[in-house]
Amino acid sequence: SIYFAARIIKLHKYLITKQKETIISKQIVRSGTSIGANIHEAQYAQGKKDFVSKLEIALKEASETGYWLELLYRTKYIDEQTHKTLSAKCTSLRAMLIASCRTAKENAK
């Protein structure tokens, strides 16, 4: 997640300096960096319920980030290769978070 966040920060810099895009870039940098922050926070959760809650927030942020990536691509702010690469990483994070949430919920029973 930290690698993905670093890529999103680089994308943000590119969007504001080269593309002069400030609206979507602010949104994607918030959601894209929030994924890892919530995963990190989950590691120090106060119990299973708090742990799952943090991972679910990270999952929502990953979903939002996927939306912004798609919008950036459809509006031609990013090229196809950038979109494919970042979307694949975002999808992998979502899959990991879904599996982690499912496992944590089952173990909490």
C-alpha atoms as a PDB file:
ATOM      1  CA  SER A   1       0.000   0.000   0.000  1.00  0.00           C
ATOM      2  CA  ILE A   2       2.882   2.386   0.634  1.00  0.00           C
ATOM      3  CA  TYR A   3       4.268   1.724  -2.868  1.00  0.00           C
ATOM      4  CA  PHE A   4       0.825   2.473  -4.303  1.00  0.00           C
ATOM      5  CA  ALA A   5       0.561   5.678  -2.233  1.00  0.00           C
ATOM      6  CA  ALA A   6       3.949   6.817  -3.531  1.00  0.00           C
ATOM      7  CA  ARG A   7       2.790   6.212  -7.121  1.00  0.00           C
ATOM      8  CA  ILE A   8      -0.384   8.204  -6.435  1.00  0.00           C
ATOM      9  CA  ILE A   9       1.655  11.105  -5.043  1.00  0.00           C
ATOM     10  CA  LYS A  10       3.798  11.065  -8.205  1.00  0.00           C
ATOM     11  CA  LEU A  11       0.617  11.023 -10.291  1.00  0.00           C
ATOM     12  CA  HIS A  12      -0.714  13.979  -8.291  1.00  0.00           C
ATOM     13  CA  LYS A  13       2.483  15.948  -8.946  1.00  0.00           C
ATOM     14  CA  TYR A  14       2.259  15.141 -12.655  1.00  0.00           C
ATOM     15  CA  LEU A  15      -1.386  16.174 -12.839  1.00  0.00           C
ATOM     16  CA  ILE A  16      -0.875  19.536 -11.166  1.00  0.00           C
ATOM     17  CA  THR A  17       2.386  20.460 -12.915  1.00  0.00           C
ATOM     18  CA  LYS A  18       2.041  19.012 -16.425  1.00  0.00           C
ATOM     19  CA  GLN A  19      -1.709  18.735 -16.892  1.00  0.00           C
ATOM     20  CA  LYS A  20      -2.725  21.722 -14.750  1.00  0.00           C
ATOM     21  CA  GLU A  21      -5.473  19.568 -13.228  1.00  0.00           C
ATOM     22  CA  THR A  22      -6.234  20.341  -9.584  1.00  0.00           C
ATOM     23  CA  ILE A  23      -9.715  19.046  -8.769  1.00  0.00           C
ATOM     24  CA  ILE A  24      -9.464  15.304  -9.421  1.00  0.00           C
ATOM     25  CA  SER A  25      -5.793  15.231  -8.415  1.00  0.00           C
ATOM     26  CA  LYS A  26      -6.695  16.435  -4.913  1.00  0.00           C
ATOM     27  CA  GLN A  27      -9.355  13.759  -4.617  1.00  0.00           C
ATOM     28  CA  ILE A  28      -7.143  10.903  -5.797  1.00  0.00           C
ATOM     29  CA  VAL A  29      -4.205  11.868  -3.598  1.00  0.00           C
ATOM     30  CA  ARG A  30      -6.484  11.853  -0.548  1.00  0.00           C
ATOM     31  CA  SER A  31      -8.140   8.518  -1.278  1.00  0.00           C
ATOM     32  CA  GLY A  32      -5.026   6.849  -2.696  1.00  0.00           C
ATOM     33  CA  THR A  33      -2.842   7.643   0.301  1.00  0.00           C
ATOM     34  CA  SER A  34      -5.614   6.923   2.784  1.00  0.00           C
ATOM     35  CA  ILE A  35      -5.625   3.223   1.845  1.00  0.00           C
ATOM     36  CA  GLY A  36      -2.224   2.567   3.363  1.00  0.00           C
ATOM     37  CA  ALA A  37      -2.822   4.882   6.303  1.00  0.00           C
ATOM     38  CA  ASN A  38      -5.911   2.892   7.306  1.00  0.00           C
ATOM     39  CA  ILE A  39      -4.128  -0.435   6.827  1.00  0.00           C
ATOM     40  CA  HIS A  40      -1.317   0.814   9.039  1.00  0.00           C
ATOM     41  CA  GLU A  41      -3.804   2.047  11.635  1.00  0.00           C
ATOM     42  CA  ALA A  42      -5.569  -1.345  11.580  1.00  0.00           C
ATOM     43  CA  GLN A  43      -2.348  -2.982  12.777  1.00  0.00           C
ATOM     44  CA  TYR A  44      -2.812  -1.157  16.087  1.00  0.00           C
ATOM     45  CA  ALA A  45      -6.561  -1.641  16.367  1.00  0.00           C
ATOM     46  CA  GLN A  46      -8.281  -2.007  19.720  1.00  0.00           C
ATOM     47  CA  GLY A  47      -9.819  -5.387  19.007  1.00  0.00           C
ATOM     48  CA  LYS A  48     -11.218  -7.309  16.058  1.00  0.00           C
ATOM     49  CA  LYS A  49     -14.147  -4.980  15.435  1.00  0.00           C
ATOM     50  CA  ASP A  50     -11.859  -1.941  15.208  1.00  0.00           C
ATOM     51  CA  PHE A  51      -9.442  -3.911  13.001  1.00  0.00           C
ATOM     52  CA  VAL A  52     -12.187  -4.843  10.549  1.00  0.00           C
ATOM     53  CA  SER A  53     -13.556  -1.298  10.584  1.00  0.00           C
ATOM     54  CA  LYS A  54     -10.161   0.166   9.569  1.00  0.00           C
ATOM     55  CA  LEU A  55      -9.760  -2.390   6.788  1.00  0.00           C
ATOM     56  CA  GLU A  56     -13.261  -1.647   5.521  1.00  0.00           C
ATOM     57  CA  ILE A  57     -12.430   2.067   5.410  1.00  0.00           C
ATOM     58  CA  ALA A  58      -9.274   1.230   3.441  1.00  0.00           C
ATOM     59  CA  LEU A  59     -11.426  -0.836   1.061  1.00  0.00           C
ATOM     60  CA  LYS A  60     -13.813   2.092   0.516  1.00  0.00           C
ATOM     61  CA  GLU A  61     -10.851   4.385  -0.178  1.00  0.00           C
ATOM     62  CA  ALA A  62      -9.456   1.874  -2.678  1.00  0.00           C
ATOM     63  CA  SER A  63     -12.809   1.748  -4.421  1.00  0.00           C
ATOM     64  CA  GLU A  64     -12.927   5.540  -4.594  1.00  0.00           C
ATOM     65  CA  THR A  65      -9.370   5.650  -5.942  1.00  0.00           C
ATOM     66  CA  GLY A  66     -10.358   3.225  -8.688  1.00  0.00           C
ATOM     67  CA  TYR A  67     -13.171   5.572  -9.652  1.00  0.00           C
ATOM     68  CA  TRP A  68     -10.816   8.572  -9.896  1.00  0.00           C
ATOM     69  CA  LEU A  69      -8.341   6.568 -11.981  1.00  0.00           C
ATOM     70  CA  GLU A  70     -11.103   5.631 -14.399  1.00  0.00           C
ATOM     71  CA  LEU A  71     -12.272   9.234 -14.610  1.00  0.00           C
ATOM     72  CA  LEU A  72      -8.742  10.509 -15.235  1.00  0.00           C
ATOM     73  CA  TYR A  73      -8.362   8.008 -18.058  1.00  0.00           C
ATOM     74  CA  ARG A  74     -11.729   8.766 -19.641  1.00  0.00           C
ATOM     75  CA  THR A  75     -11.004  12.490 -19.578  1.00  0.00           C
ATOM     76  CA  LYS A  76      -7.560  11.877 -21.118  1.00  0.00           C
ATOM     77  CA  TYR A  77      -5.532  13.203 -18.189  1.00  0.00           C
ATOM     78  CA  ILE A  78      -3.649   9.886 -18.004  1.00  0.00           C
ATOM     79  CA  ASP A  79      -2.699   7.480 -20.759  1.00  0.00           C
ATOM     80  CA  GLU A  80      -3.840   3.890 -21.114  1.00  0.00           C
ATOM     81  CA  GLN A  81      -0.635   2.364 -19.713  1.00  0.00           C
ATOM     82  CA  THR A  82      -0.714   4.518 -16.573  1.00  0.00           C
ATOM     83  CA  HIS A  83      -4.372   3.678 -16.103  1.00  0.00           C
ATOM     84  CA  LYS A  84      -3.809  -0.051 -16.535  1.00  0.00           C
ATOM     85  CA  THR A  85      -0.824  -0.149 -14.198  1.00  0.00           C
ATOM     86  CA  LEU A  86      -2.383   1.859 -11.376  1.00  0.00           C
ATOM     87  CA  SER A  87      -5.801   0.235 -11.755  1.00  0.00           C
ATOM     88  CA  ALA A  88      -4.234  -3.229 -11.525  1.00  0.00           C
ATOM     89  CA  LYS A  89      -2.429  -2.251  -8.305  1.00  0.00           C
ATOM     90  CA  CYS A  90      -5.626  -0.751  -6.917  1.00  0.00           C
ATOM     91  CA  THR A  91      -7.589  -3.910  -7.799  1.00  0.00           C
ATOM     92  CA  SER A  92      -4.953  -6.042  -6.067  1.00  0.00           C
ATOM     93  CA  LEU A  93      -5.249  -3.920  -2.924  1.00  0.00           C
ATOM     94  CA  ARG A  94      -9.050  -4.261  -3.010  1.00  0.00           C
ATOM     95  CA  ALA A  95      -8.802  -8.047  -3.369  1.00  0.00           C
ATOM     96  CA  MET A  96      -6.375  -8.248  -0.451  1.00  0.00           C
ATOM     97  CA  LEU A  97      -8.616  -6.058   1.694  1.00  0.00           C
ATOM     98  CA  ILE A  98     -11.746  -8.052   0.858  1.00  0.00           C
ATOM     99  CA  ALA A  99      -9.984 -11.300   1.801  1.00  0.00           C
ATOM    100  CA  SER A 100      -8.550  -9.778   4.982  1.00  0.00           C
ATOM    101  CA  CYS A 101     -11.944  -8.443   6.077  1.00  0.00           C
ATOM    102  CA  ARG A 102     -13.583 -11.786   5.397  1.00  0.00           C
ATOM    103  CA  THR A 103     -10.924 -13.687   7.354  1.00  0.00           C
ATOM    104  CA  ALA A 104     -10.992 -11.261  10.294  1.00  0.00           C
ATOM    105  CA  LYS A 105     -14.802 -11.466  10.491  1.00  0.00           C
ATOM    106  CA  GLU A 106     -14.721 -15.275  10.427  1.00  0.00           C
ATOM    107  CA  ASN A 107     -12.020 -15.382  13.126  1.00  0.00           C
ATOM    108  CA  ALA A 108     -14.021 -12.993  15.306  1.00  0.00           C
ATOM    109  CA  LYS A 109     -16.913 -15.449  15.526  1.00  0.00           C
END
